Amino acid sequence: MVQYGGFVISPDTDGVGVATVPERIFSLTEWSTLTMKSSPLARKAAAVGASAAVLGAVLAGLAAAPAQASTEVAAAKATAATASTKTTPKVSVSTPRAATRDYEGGCPAAVDVSATVKVKLDGRTKLAYRWLHGDGSKGKVKVLSLKGHGTKAIKVKERLTFDEDVKGWEAVQVLGPRKVTSKKGYFSVTCSKVIIEKKHRNRVSVSAWADPSSYVGSCTPGTKIGFKGLIRTADPAWVRYRWVLNGRVVDSGKVKVYNARKVYFGYSPRESERGYAVLQAWGARTYSSDSAGYKVLCKDEHPAPVARVSASGLVTATNNDGCKVGAHATVSSTGRARVEYVWSVNGRPVDTGDLFFGREGSRTVQLSDRVLSGDATKGGRVTLTVSGPRNNDSVTQSYAACQAPAPKVSVSGISVGQRNDFCADKRGPGVDFKATISSSAPTTVKYYWVVDGKRENPDLTRQVNGSVEVTWGIAGAHNASETKGSVQLVVYSPGSASSSTSFSVSCPKPVADQGA
């Protein structure tokens, strides 16, 4: 046995060396030097100036020997055969990328890594490659047969599984038809642990479920498994959360929870499967999680007619108090379907949602009041777009410009004054009435007075900018020493307001009567 560099030569019974290549593909010069030390046939080939074709034949003889050649030898044979007839193809490798570069969640965790190898072809060749790992180990050599003309891109993938925290890298080493090693692609895995302090045990709690949890039917792009979660807190708090689908983080966010708050996530399966989604949430002190399992069986042997969806009956409403716009519309489906919808104001999406129809039907969806600003206050358009398993549809309606809110008018209480000049004519005293009308904005106020249930005057008008005092008076009754009754001030524009009171006044007694 002869060892040379990274190669081990084991003489066979007929004197021909069998090479075991543990790590790399060797050059033609290395092969010439190596085989001279172990094989008369190789020494003879080198002595006459062995060509790539001859060395390919030598490799073939070595591979046919009783000792088992490694995968690297097979790659070398393919490389030498390619080099014997034409120029070695150009090869390049992209930097590997992890699907989730920095994973945080439950473990064991799967990390999917991929890279792209580009080979410029002019006929046939074989691509030999392997993965290099950050811990110093190397993956098995894989060989692919390629043919054609021009540059061909081949995506290579690898899945790694970890059950503890790790930071590492992956690289791709192409061994043939040309030796190229990619840059290192880095990743990390952080395994989360559930830590709940006793004195804050109920500060954050979550529950999660799938809707539906089991589905049998056609798996179309519109078919979705909806996951719903409920986050509870003992006290109002900001809570961070994320959804982990089958070990991979797919959605995250931060919400303010006053007592309970729902969060959602939707997933569209493309094939039969079963799995689980985990809702994880954590506040200032505690961490909590819950999982929801689901099962999907895709059956298309007798598919039902694919439902069509539509949007109609859009009605908009402008709220001048705060300048807001709201709307509602009808979403319809001709059969079983999950329908997603998007509300847009002047072309900008402002709200989304989805509906599940078990059969043909219609539902009403609403857009809650949205505050308008800038040019949107001058009027615009609201659009509802719906998407189903087979088609999309939309409906648009304009909304009115915001108007200044109508002034708010109020009336104070009525004060009563007495005039005794009528008493000398054996009449009851005269009565004067006074009140204040106020408005939240400059306006013209229309009003009238009512005494003892009878309207006293035609319409009266006053310009009000803040508050204004208005008055009215009546004479005393004949052959009476007392004037009494009721009075009311009525404002009827803009808006309506009123104030009323009763009154009773008497003429003063003569001085002589007072002395008695």
Protein backbone atom coordinates (compact mmCIF):
# COMPACT_ATOMS: atom_id res chain seq x y z
CA MET A 1 0.00 0.00 0.00
CA VAL A 2 1.32 3.47 -0.94
CA GLN A 3 -0.02 6.72 0.48
CA TYR A 4 0.39 9.89 -1.53
CA GLY A 5 -1.09 13.19 -0.39
CA GLY A 6 -4.78 12.48 0.24
CA PHE A 7 -4.80 9.26 -1.87
CA VAL A 8 -4.26 5.63 -0.85
CA ILE A 9 -3.02 3.18 -3.50
CA SER A 10 -3.73 -0.49 -2.88
CA PRO A 11 -1.95 -2.86 -5.33
CA ASP A 12 -4.30 -5.42 -6.83
CA THR A 13 -3.25 -8.97 -7.68
CA ASP A 14 -2.33 -7.98 -11.24
CA GLY A 15 -0.15 -5.07 -10.03
CA VAL A 16 -2.62 -2.31 -11.01
CA GLY A 17 -3.20 0.21 -8.15
CA VAL A 18 -6.74 0.96 -6.98
CA ALA A 19 -7.13 4.58 -5.71
CA THR A 20 -9.43 5.51 -2.87
CA VAL A 21 -10.02 9.28 -3.02
CA PRO A 22 -11.50 10.42 0.28
CA GLU A 23 -11.74 14.17 -0.23
CA ARG A 24 -10.95 15.61 -3.68
CA ILE A 25 -10.61 15.11 -7.43
CA PHE A 26 -7.00 15.04 -8.56
CA SER A 27 -5.34 16.75 -11.56
CA LEU A 28 -3.80 14.92 -14.52
CA THR A 29 -0.30 15.69 -13.23
CA GLU A 30 -1.14 14.23 -9.81
CA TRP A 31 -2.53 11.13 -11.46
CA SER A 32 0.64 10.71 -13.56
CA THR A 33 2.92 11.03 -10.52
CA LEU A 34 0.68 8.85 -8.39
CA THR A 35 0.26 5.98 -10.85
CA MET A 36 3.99 5.91 -11.69
CA LYS A 37 4.61 4.75 -8.13
CA SER A 38 2.11 1.91 -8.23
CA SER A 39 1.30 0.67 -11.72
CA PRO A 40 3.49 -0.51 -14.64
CA LEU A 41 0.63 0.32 -17.00
CA ALA A 42 0.42 3.87 -15.68
CA ARG A 43 4.21 4.33 -15.81
CA LYS A 44 4.13 3.24 -19.42
CA ALA A 45 1.31 5.64 -20.21
CA ALA A 46 3.17 8.51 -18.55
CA ALA A 47 6.39 7.61 -20.36
CA VAL A 48 4.76 8.13 -23.76
CA GLY A 49 3.00 11.34 -22.64
CA ALA A 50 -0.37 10.05 -21.47
CA SER A 51 -3.28 12.03 -22.83
CA ALA A 52 -6.55 12.69 -21.00
CA ALA A 53 -8.13 9.85 -22.97
CA VAL A 54 -5.40 7.42 -21.84
CA LEU A 55 -5.76 8.53 -18.25
CA GLY A 56 -9.51 8.03 -18.60
CA ALA A 57 -8.78 4.45 -19.64
CA VAL A 58 -6.46 4.05 -16.65
CA LEU A 59 -9.23 5.30 -14.38
CA ALA A 60 -11.63 2.85 -15.93
CA GLY A 61 -9.18 0.03 -15.21
CA LEU A 62 -8.80 1.19 -11.62
CA ALA A 63 -12.55 1.36 -11.13
CA ALA A 64 -12.89 -2.22 -12.43
CA ALA A 65 -10.44 -3.60 -9.85
CA PRO A 66 -11.74 -5.70 -6.98
CA ALA A 67 -11.25 -2.93 -4.36
CA GLN A 68 -14.28 -0.63 -4.25
CA ALA A 69 -13.55 2.91 -5.60
CA SER A 70 -15.08 5.90 -3.85
CA THR A 71 -17.69 8.28 -5.32
CA GLU A 72 -14.92 10.77 -5.95
CA VAL A 73 -13.28 8.32 -8.38
CA ALA A 74 -16.54 8.06 -10.28
CA ALA A 75 -16.65 11.85 -10.48
CA ALA A 76 -13.06 11.93 -11.70
CA LYS A 77 -13.84 9.42 -14.42
CA ALA A 78 -16.73 11.54 -15.62
CA THR A 79 -14.55 14.64 -15.57
CA ALA A 80 -11.70 12.98 -17.45
CA ALA A 81 -14.08 11.61 -20.08
CA THR A 82 -15.50 15.08 -20.65
CA ALA A 83 -12.06 16.67 -20.83
CA SER A 84 -10.91 14.12 -23.44
CA THR A 85 -13.12 15.53 -26.14
CA LYS A 86 -13.65 19.24 -25.48
CA THR A 87 -12.81 22.21 -23.30
CA THR A 88 -13.81 21.90 -19.64
CA PRO A 89 -17.18 23.72 -19.17
CA LYS A 90 -17.28 26.94 -17.16
CA VAL A 91 -18.86 26.49 -13.70
CA SER A 92 -20.08 29.00 -11.09
CA VAL A 93 -21.81 28.52 -7.72
CA SER A 94 -23.98 31.00 -5.81
CA THR A 95 -23.63 31.56 -2.06
CA PRO A 96 -25.94 29.10 -0.24
CA ARG A 97 -28.98 30.63 1.44
CA ALA A 98 -31.03 29.26 4.33
CA ALA A 99 -34.81 29.50 3.91
CA THR A 100 -34.88 30.91 7.45
CA ARG A 101 -31.50 32.50 8.13
CA ASP A 102 -32.07 33.13 11.85
CA TYR A 103 -34.57 30.61 13.18
CA GLU A 104 -36.18 31.00 16.61
CA GLY A 105 -38.75 28.50 17.83
CA GLY A 106 -39.38 24.95 18.90
CA CYS A 107 -36.74 22.28 18.34
CA PRO A 108 -35.83 19.98 16.65
CA ALA A 109 -35.76 22.52 13.82
CA ALA A 110 -35.25 21.87 10.11
CA VAL A 111 -33.08 24.34 8.18
CA ASP A 112 -33.42 24.16 4.37
CA VAL A 113 -30.35 25.43 2.49
CA SER A 114 -30.09 25.86 -1.29
CA ALA A 115 -27.66 27.17 -3.89
CA THR A 116 -27.53 27.45 -7.69
CA VAL A 117 -24.82 25.88 -9.81
CA LYS A 118 -24.45 27.24 -13.36
CA VAL A 119 -22.70 25.14 -16.02
CA LYS A 120 -22.00 26.33 -19.58
CA LEU A 121 -22.75 23.27 -21.71
CA ASP A 122 -21.77 22.27 -25.21
CA GLY A 123 -22.92 18.68 -25.29
CA ARG A 124 -22.82 16.22 -22.41
CA THR A 125 -21.04 16.39 -19.07
CA LYS A 126 -21.41 15.21 -15.49
CA LEU A 127 -21.77 17.50 -12.51
CA ALA A 128 -20.22 16.20 -9.27
CA TYR A 129 -20.67 18.20 -6.06
CA ARG A 130 -20.94 17.93 -2.30
CA TRP A 131 -21.88 20.08 0.69
CA LEU A 132 -19.25 21.43 3.09
CA HIS A 133 -20.41 21.95 6.69
CA GLY A 134 -19.33 24.52 9.25
CA ASP A 135 -18.24 21.79 11.68
CA GLY A 136 -15.59 20.63 9.20
CA SER A 137 -17.47 17.60 7.90
CA LYS A 138 -18.34 16.97 4.25
CA GLY A 139 -21.42 15.52 2.65
CA LYS A 140 -21.61 12.66 0.16
CA VAL A 141 -20.61 13.36 -3.43
CA LYS A 142 -23.57 13.53 -5.79
CA VAL A 143 -23.27 13.19 -9.58
CA LEU A 144 -25.77 14.55 -12.12
CA SER A 145 -25.76 13.95 -15.89
CA LEU A 146 -26.22 17.11 -17.97
CA LYS A 147 -26.62 17.70 -21.66
CA GLY A 148 -27.51 20.52 -23.99
CA HIS A 149 -26.06 23.82 -25.16
CA GLY A 150 -25.77 27.11 -23.33
CA THR A 151 -25.76 27.89 -19.62
CA LYS A 152 -27.83 25.57 -17.43
CA ALA A 153 -28.75 26.43 -13.84
CA ILE A 154 -29.15 23.56 -11.36
CA LYS A 155 -30.60 24.25 -7.91
CA VAL A 156 -29.09 22.02 -5.22
CA LYS A 157 -30.71 21.66 -1.80
CA GLU A 158 -29.94 20.25 1.62
CA ARG A 159 -31.99 19.94 4.82
CA LEU A 160 -30.28 20.11 8.21
CA THR A 161 -31.93 19.23 11.52
CA PHE A 162 -30.86 20.63 14.89
CA ASP A 163 -32.18 20.05 18.41
CA GLU A 164 -30.14 22.75 20.15
CA ASP A 165 -28.82 26.28 19.59
CA VAL A 166 -26.26 26.52 16.78
CA LYS A 167 -24.54 29.05 14.51
CA GLY A 168 -22.96 27.66 11.37
CA TRP A 169 -22.44 27.85 7.65
CA GLU A 170 -22.82 25.76 4.52
CA ALA A 171 -20.88 25.82 1.25
CA VAL A 172 -21.09 23.88 -2.04
CA GLN A 173 -17.96 22.32 -3.53
CA VAL A 174 -18.17 21.38 -7.22
CA LEU A 175 -15.69 18.59 -8.01
CA GLY A 176 -16.34 18.22 -11.71
CA PRO A 177 -16.32 19.14 -14.54
CA ARG A 178 -14.34 21.97 -12.92
CA LYS A 179 -13.46 22.41 -9.25
CA VAL A 180 -15.23 25.43 -7.74
CA THR A 181 -16.18 26.16 -4.12
CA SER A 182 -18.89 28.66 -3.22
CA LYS A 183 -18.73 31.31 -0.54
CA LYS A 184 -20.05 30.39 2.91
CA GLY A 185 -23.76 30.89 3.62
CA TYR A 186 -24.41 31.50 7.32
CA PHE A 187 -27.42 30.59 9.50
CA SER A 188 -28.38 30.27 13.17
CA VAL A 189 -30.89 28.29 15.23
CA THR A 190 -32.20 29.45 18.60
CA CYS A 191 -34.38 26.92 20.43
CA SER A 192 -37.04 28.72 22.49
CA LYS A 193 -37.86 27.46 25.96
CA VAL A 194 -41.13 27.93 27.88
CA ILE A 195 -40.37 29.85 31.05
CA ILE A 196 -43.30 30.99 33.19
CA GLU A 197 -42.65 32.68 36.51
CA LYS A 198 -45.01 31.57 39.27
CA LYS A 199 -46.04 35.03 40.41
CA HIS A 200 -46.87 36.02 36.81
CA ARG A 201 -48.29 32.66 35.72
CA ASN A 202 -51.42 34.14 34.10
CA ARG A 203 -49.91 37.29 32.62
CA VAL A 204 -49.94 35.95 29.04
CA SER A 205 -51.87 32.90 27.85
CA VAL A 206 -52.81 31.74 24.35
CA SER A 207 -55.04 29.21 22.66
CA ALA A 208 -55.04 28.21 18.99
CA TRP A 209 -57.26 26.18 16.69
CA ALA A 210 -57.64 25.38 12.98
CA ASP A 211 -60.78 26.19 11.00
CA PRO A 212 -61.45 23.74 9.50
CA SER A 213 -59.15 21.31 11.32
CA SER A 214 -59.93 18.56 8.80
CA TYR A 215 -60.59 19.08 5.09
CA VAL A 216 -61.47 16.62 2.34
CA GLY A 217 -61.97 17.89 -1.19
CA SER A 218 -60.37 19.72 -4.06
CA CYS A 219 -57.10 21.48 -3.17
CA THR A 220 -57.32 24.65 -5.27
CA PRO A 221 -55.43 27.94 -4.71
CA GLY A 222 -58.48 29.32 -2.94
CA THR A 223 -58.70 26.44 -0.46
CA LYS A 224 -57.35 27.53 2.90
CA ILE A 225 -56.89 26.21 6.40
CA GLY A 226 -57.57 29.14 8.69
CA PHE A 227 -55.73 29.27 12.00
CA LYS A 228 -57.17 31.40 14.78
CA GLY A 229 -55.55 32.32 18.05
CA LEU A 230 -56.74 34.02 21.22
CA ILE A 231 -54.22 35.93 23.35
CA ARG A 232 -55.23 36.81 26.93
CA THR A 233 -53.51 39.03 29.47
CA ALA A 234 -54.28 39.75 33.10
CA ASP A 235 -53.52 43.45 32.55
CA PRO A 236 -53.36 45.60 29.41
CA ALA A 237 -50.02 44.97 27.71
CA TRP A 238 -48.20 44.89 24.38
CA VAL A 239 -47.72 41.27 23.31
CA ARG A 240 -45.43 39.93 20.59
CA TYR A 241 -46.59 36.81 18.79
CA ARG A 242 -45.73 34.57 15.86
CA TRP A 243 -47.16 31.59 14.00
CA VAL A 244 -44.89 28.57 13.45
CA LEU A 245 -46.18 26.17 10.77
CA ASN A 246 -44.63 22.72 10.92
CA GLY A 247 -41.47 24.09 12.53
CA ARG A 248 -41.10 27.17 10.32
CA VAL A 249 -41.96 30.78 11.29
CA VAL A 250 -44.53 32.03 8.77
CA ASP A 251 -46.07 35.13 10.38
CA SER A 252 -45.40 37.48 13.31
CA GLY A 253 -46.62 40.71 14.81
CA LYS A 254 -47.17 42.86 17.89
CA VAL A 255 -50.59 43.78 19.32
CA LYS A 256 -51.98 45.67 22.30
CA VAL A 257 -54.09 43.30 24.42
CA TYR A 258 -56.46 44.83 26.97
CA ASN A 259 -58.06 41.56 28.02
CA ALA A 260 -58.28 39.27 24.99
CA ARG A 261 -57.24 39.70 21.35
CA LYS A 262 -57.67 37.43 18.33
CA VAL A 263 -54.94 36.89 15.73
CA TYR A 264 -55.17 34.98 12.46
CA PHE A 265 -53.11 33.14 9.86
CA GLY A 266 -54.18 31.34 6.65
CA TYR A 267 -52.46 28.50 4.80
CA SER A 268 -53.26 27.03 1.36
CA PRO A 269 -52.19 23.36 1.07
CA ARG A 270 -51.41 22.01 -2.40
CA GLU A 271 -51.42 18.31 -1.54
CA SER A 272 -52.69 15.87 1.07
CA GLU A 273 -50.90 16.40 4.36
CA ARG A 274 -51.25 16.70 8.08
CA GLY A 275 -49.39 19.00 10.44
CA TYR A 276 -49.73 21.63 13.10
CA ALA A 277 -49.43 25.36 13.64
CA VAL A 278 -48.07 26.76 16.89
CA LEU A 279 -49.03 30.20 18.21
CA GLN A 280 -46.29 31.61 20.43
CA ALA A 281 -46.75 34.82 22.41
CA TRP A 282 -44.67 36.62 25.01
CA GLY A 283 -45.05 39.77 27.05
CA ALA A 284 -42.73 41.59 29.44
CA ARG A 285 -42.28 38.59 31.75
CA THR A 286 -43.94 35.44 30.47
CA TYR A 287 -44.02 33.19 27.42
CA SER A 288 -46.90 30.98 26.31
CA SER A 289 -47.74 28.80 23.32
CA ASP A 290 -50.43 26.48 22.00
CA SER A 291 -50.68 24.29 18.90
CA ALA A 292 -53.48 23.49 16.46
CA GLY A 293 -53.36 20.33 14.36
CA TYR A 294 -54.87 20.00 10.90
CA LYS A 295 -55.38 17.31 8.27
CA VAL A 296 -55.96 17.73 4.52
CA LEU A 297 -57.01 15.06 2.04
CA CYS A 298 -56.99 16.31 -1.54
CA LYS A 299 -59.55 14.42 -3.64
CA ASP A 300 -60.11 15.37 -7.27
CA GLU A 301 -61.57 12.13 -8.66
CA HIS A 302 -65.02 13.71 -8.91
CA PRO A 303 -64.42 17.42 -8.46
CA ALA A 304 -67.44 19.60 -7.83
CA PRO A 305 -67.95 22.59 -10.12
CA VAL A 306 -65.58 25.34 -9.06
CA ALA A 307 -67.50 28.18 -7.45
CA ARG A 308 -67.44 31.70 -8.86
CA VAL A 309 -67.49 34.76 -6.62
CA SER A 310 -68.79 38.28 -7.12
CA ALA A 311 -69.08 41.64 -5.36
CA SER A 312 -72.12 43.93 -5.62
CA GLY A 313 -74.28 46.50 -3.86
CA LEU A 314 -71.47 48.78 -2.68
CA VAL A 315 -72.79 51.74 -0.64
CA THR A 316 -70.52 54.48 0.73
CA ALA A 317 -71.23 57.01 3.50
CA THR A 318 -69.30 60.18 4.33
CA ASN A 319 -69.27 61.08 8.02
CA ASN A 320 -68.70 64.84 8.33
CA ASP A 321 -67.98 64.53 12.04
CA GLY A 322 -64.23 64.02 11.82
CA CYS A 323 -64.29 63.63 7.99
CA LYS A 324 -64.49 59.83 7.64
CA VAL A 325 -65.75 57.40 5.02
CA GLY A 326 -67.34 53.98 5.55
CA ALA A 327 -68.99 51.44 3.26
CA HIS A 328 -70.72 48.09 3.00
CA ALA A 329 -71.25 45.65 0.12
CA THR A 330 -72.43 42.12 -0.72
CA VAL A 331 -70.07 39.20 -1.46
CA SER A 332 -71.62 36.18 -3.23
CA SER A 333 -70.45 32.68 -4.19
CA THR A 334 -72.07 30.10 -6.46
CA GLY A 335 -70.82 27.23 -4.28
CA ARG A 336 -68.40 26.05 -1.63
CA ALA A 337 -65.40 28.38 -1.54
CA ARG A 338 -63.14 30.50 0.60
CA VAL A 339 -63.24 34.12 -0.53
CA GLU A 340 -60.65 36.77 0.28
CA TYR A 341 -61.57 40.44 0.01
CA VAL A 342 -59.70 43.76 0.05
CA TRP A 343 -61.13 47.25 0.72
CA SER A 344 -59.35 50.13 -1.03
CA VAL A 345 -59.87 53.90 -0.74
CA ASN A 346 -58.64 55.85 -3.76
CA GLY A 347 -56.59 52.85 -4.89
CA ARG A 348 -54.86 52.25 -1.54
CA PRO A 349 -55.71 49.02 0.38
CA VAL A 350 -56.99 49.82 3.88
CA ASP A 351 -58.56 46.57 5.14
CA THR A 352 -58.68 42.83 4.31
CA GLY A 353 -60.64 39.76 5.35
CA ASP A 354 -61.94 36.40 4.20
CA LEU A 355 -65.19 34.44 4.19
CA PHE A 356 -65.92 30.72 3.94
CA PHE A 357 -68.99 29.59 2.00
CA GLY A 358 -70.13 26.03 2.61
CA ARG A 359 -72.56 26.38 -0.28
CA GLU A 360 -74.06 29.00 -2.57
CA GLY A 361 -74.93 32.21 -0.77
CA SER A 362 -74.26 35.88 -0.07
CA ARG A 363 -72.71 37.79 2.84
CA THR A 364 -72.46 41.47 3.77
CA VAL A 365 -69.03 42.90 4.49
CA GLN A 366 -68.37 46.33 5.99
CA LEU A 367 -65.60 48.89 5.88
CA SER A 368 -65.50 50.71 9.21
CA ASP A 369 -65.11 54.50 9.17
CA ARG A 370 -61.69 55.58 7.90
CA VAL A 371 -60.34 59.08 8.58
CA LEU A 372 -59.69 61.04 5.39
CA SER A 373 -56.94 63.60 4.84
CA GLY A 374 -55.50 65.73 2.06
CA ASP A 375 -57.20 65.49 -1.33
CA ALA A 376 -59.26 62.51 -0.10
CA THR A 377 -61.42 64.92 1.91
CA LYS A 378 -62.67 66.36 -1.39
CA GLY A 379 -64.31 63.08 -2.43
CA GLY A 380 -63.06 59.90 -4.06
CA ARG A 381 -63.77 56.22 -4.67
CA VAL A 382 -64.09 53.10 -2.54
CA THR A 383 -63.39 49.68 -4.14
CA LEU A 384 -64.10 46.15 -2.89
CA THR A 385 -62.07 43.38 -4.60
CA VAL A 386 -62.89 39.69 -4.01
CA SER A 387 -60.80 36.62 -4.94
CA GLY A 388 -62.14 33.06 -5.13
CA PRO A 389 -60.88 29.67 -6.30
CA ARG A 390 -61.64 30.42 -9.95
CA ASN A 391 -62.07 34.15 -10.49
CA ASN A 392 -61.75 37.67 -9.13
CA ASP A 393 -64.31 40.46 -9.10
CA SER A 394 -64.54 44.06 -7.89
CA VAL A 395 -67.05 46.85 -7.43
CA THR A 396 -66.36 50.60 -7.06
CA GLN A 397 -68.48 53.47 -5.75
CA SER A 398 -67.67 57.15 -5.25
CA TYR A 399 -68.09 58.94 -1.93
CA ALA A 400 -69.01 62.58 -1.23
CA ALA A 401 -66.60 65.26 -0.09
CA CYS A 402 -66.54 66.14 3.58
CA GLN A 403 -68.66 69.14 4.58
CA ALA A 404 -68.17 71.38 7.58
CA PRO A 405 -70.40 70.05 10.36
CA ALA A 406 -73.65 71.95 10.94
CA PRO A 407 -73.49 74.44 13.82
CA LYS A 408 -74.84 73.19 17.13
CA VAL A 409 -77.36 75.61 18.66
CA SER A 410 -78.45 75.73 22.31
CA VAL A 411 -80.86 77.89 24.34
CA SER A 412 -80.37 78.98 27.94
CA GLY A 413 -83.08 79.10 30.61
CA ILE A 414 -85.64 81.96 30.34
CA SER A 415 -85.53 84.71 32.95
CA VAL A 416 -88.75 86.59 33.85
CA GLY A 417 -88.97 90.33 34.59
CA GLN A 418 -91.95 92.40 35.86
CA ARG A 419 -93.25 95.82 34.74
CA ASN A 420 -95.78 97.53 37.05
CA ASP A 421 -96.75 100.50 34.85
CA PHE A 422 -99.96 98.71 33.82
CA CYS A 423 -101.12 98.32 37.42
CA ALA A 424 -102.35 101.95 37.59
CA ASP A 425 -104.89 101.12 34.83
CA LYS A 426 -106.29 98.23 36.81
CA ARG A 427 -104.37 95.71 34.78
CA GLY A 428 -101.97 93.02 35.76
CA PRO A 429 -98.27 93.76 35.54
CA GLY A 430 -96.40 93.42 32.22
CA VAL A 431 -93.89 90.58 31.90
CA ASP A 432 -90.51 90.64 30.12
CA PHE A 433 -88.74 87.42 29.01
CA LYS A 434 -85.03 87.07 28.28
CA ALA A 435 -82.84 84.14 27.12
CA THR A 436 -79.49 83.48 25.43
CA ILE A 437 -79.03 81.60 22.13
CA SER A 438 -75.56 80.09 21.53
CA SER A 439 -74.03 78.51 18.41
CA SER A 440 -70.82 76.48 17.87
CA ALA A 441 -70.17 78.36 14.59
CA PRO A 442 -71.36 81.59 12.96
CA THR A 443 -74.87 81.11 11.59
CA THR A 444 -78.32 82.63 11.13
CA VAL A 445 -80.76 81.46 13.80
CA LYS A 446 -84.53 81.33 13.25
CA TYR A 447 -86.81 81.28 16.31
CA TYR A 448 -90.17 82.31 17.82
CA TRP A 449 -91.86 82.77 21.24
CA VAL A 450 -94.87 80.84 22.54
CA VAL A 451 -96.98 82.20 25.47
CA ASP A 452 -99.64 80.06 27.09
CA GLY A 453 -99.42 77.59 24.17
CA LYS A 454 -99.98 80.24 21.47
CA ARG A 455 -97.30 81.43 19.07
CA GLU A 456 -96.67 85.12 19.70
CA ASN A 457 -94.88 86.25 16.57
CA PRO A 458 -93.84 85.31 13.04
CA ASP A 459 -90.35 83.96 12.41
CA LEU A 460 -87.60 85.97 14.05
CA THR A 461 -83.95 85.81 12.85
CA ARG A 462 -80.65 86.74 14.47
CA GLN A 463 -77.02 86.42 13.39
CA VAL A 464 -75.22 84.43 16.05
CA ASN A 465 -71.45 84.25 16.37
CA GLY A 466 -70.98 82.70 19.78
CA SER A 467 -73.95 83.89 21.93
CA VAL A 468 -76.70 86.48 21.60
CA GLU A 469 -79.42 87.65 24.02
CA VAL A 470 -83.04 87.68 22.80
CA THR A 471 -86.09 89.21 24.57
CA TRP A 472 -89.86 89.28 24.41
CA GLY A 473 -92.59 90.94 26.49
CA ILE A 474 -96.35 90.90 27.12
CA ALA A 475 -98.79 93.40 28.67
CA GLY A 476 -100.82 92.81 31.80
CA ALA A 477 -104.30 91.32 31.71
CA HIS A 478 -107.36 93.65 32.05
CA ASN A 479 -109.17 93.83 35.40
CA ALA A 480 -106.58 91.69 37.06
CA SER A 481 -103.88 92.29 39.58
CA GLU A 482 -101.88 89.24 38.55
CA THR A 483 -100.32 88.00 35.30
CA LYS A 484 -99.37 84.33 35.06
CA GLY A 485 -98.91 81.57 32.52
CA SER A 486 -96.13 79.78 30.60
CA VAL A 487 -93.59 80.89 28.03
CA GLN A 488 -91.37 78.95 25.56
CA LEU A 489 -88.53 79.98 23.23
CA VAL A 490 -88.29 77.71 20.15
CA VAL A 491 -85.26 77.63 17.75
CA TYR A 492 -85.97 75.62 14.59
CA SER A 493 -83.01 76.46 12.32
CA PRO A 494 -80.30 75.29 12.11
CA GLY A 495 -81.26 72.20 14.03
CA SER A 496 -83.72 72.56 16.87
CA ALA A 497 -83.54 73.73 20.49
CA SER A 498 -85.99 75.16 23.02
CA SER A 499 -86.42 76.38 26.58
CA SER A 500 -89.59 77.01 28.65
CA THR A 501 -90.74 78.16 32.05
CA SER A 502 -93.89 79.23 33.92
CA PHE A 503 -94.38 82.67 35.45
CA SER A 504 -96.67 84.42 37.96
CA VAL A 505 -96.31 88.10 38.91
CA SER A 506 -98.66 90.46 40.87
CA CYS A 507 -99.09 94.22 41.15
CA PRO A 508 -97.73 95.61 44.39
CA LYS A 509 -100.34 96.43 47.08
CA PRO A 510 -101.21 100.10 47.77
CA VAL A 511 -99.17 101.70 50.53
CA ALA A 512 -102.22 102.09 52.82
CA ASP A 513 -102.98 98.38 52.47
CA GLN A 514 -99.41 97.58 53.33
CA GLY A 515 -99.67 99.69 56.55
CA ALA A 516 -102.80 97.91 57.59
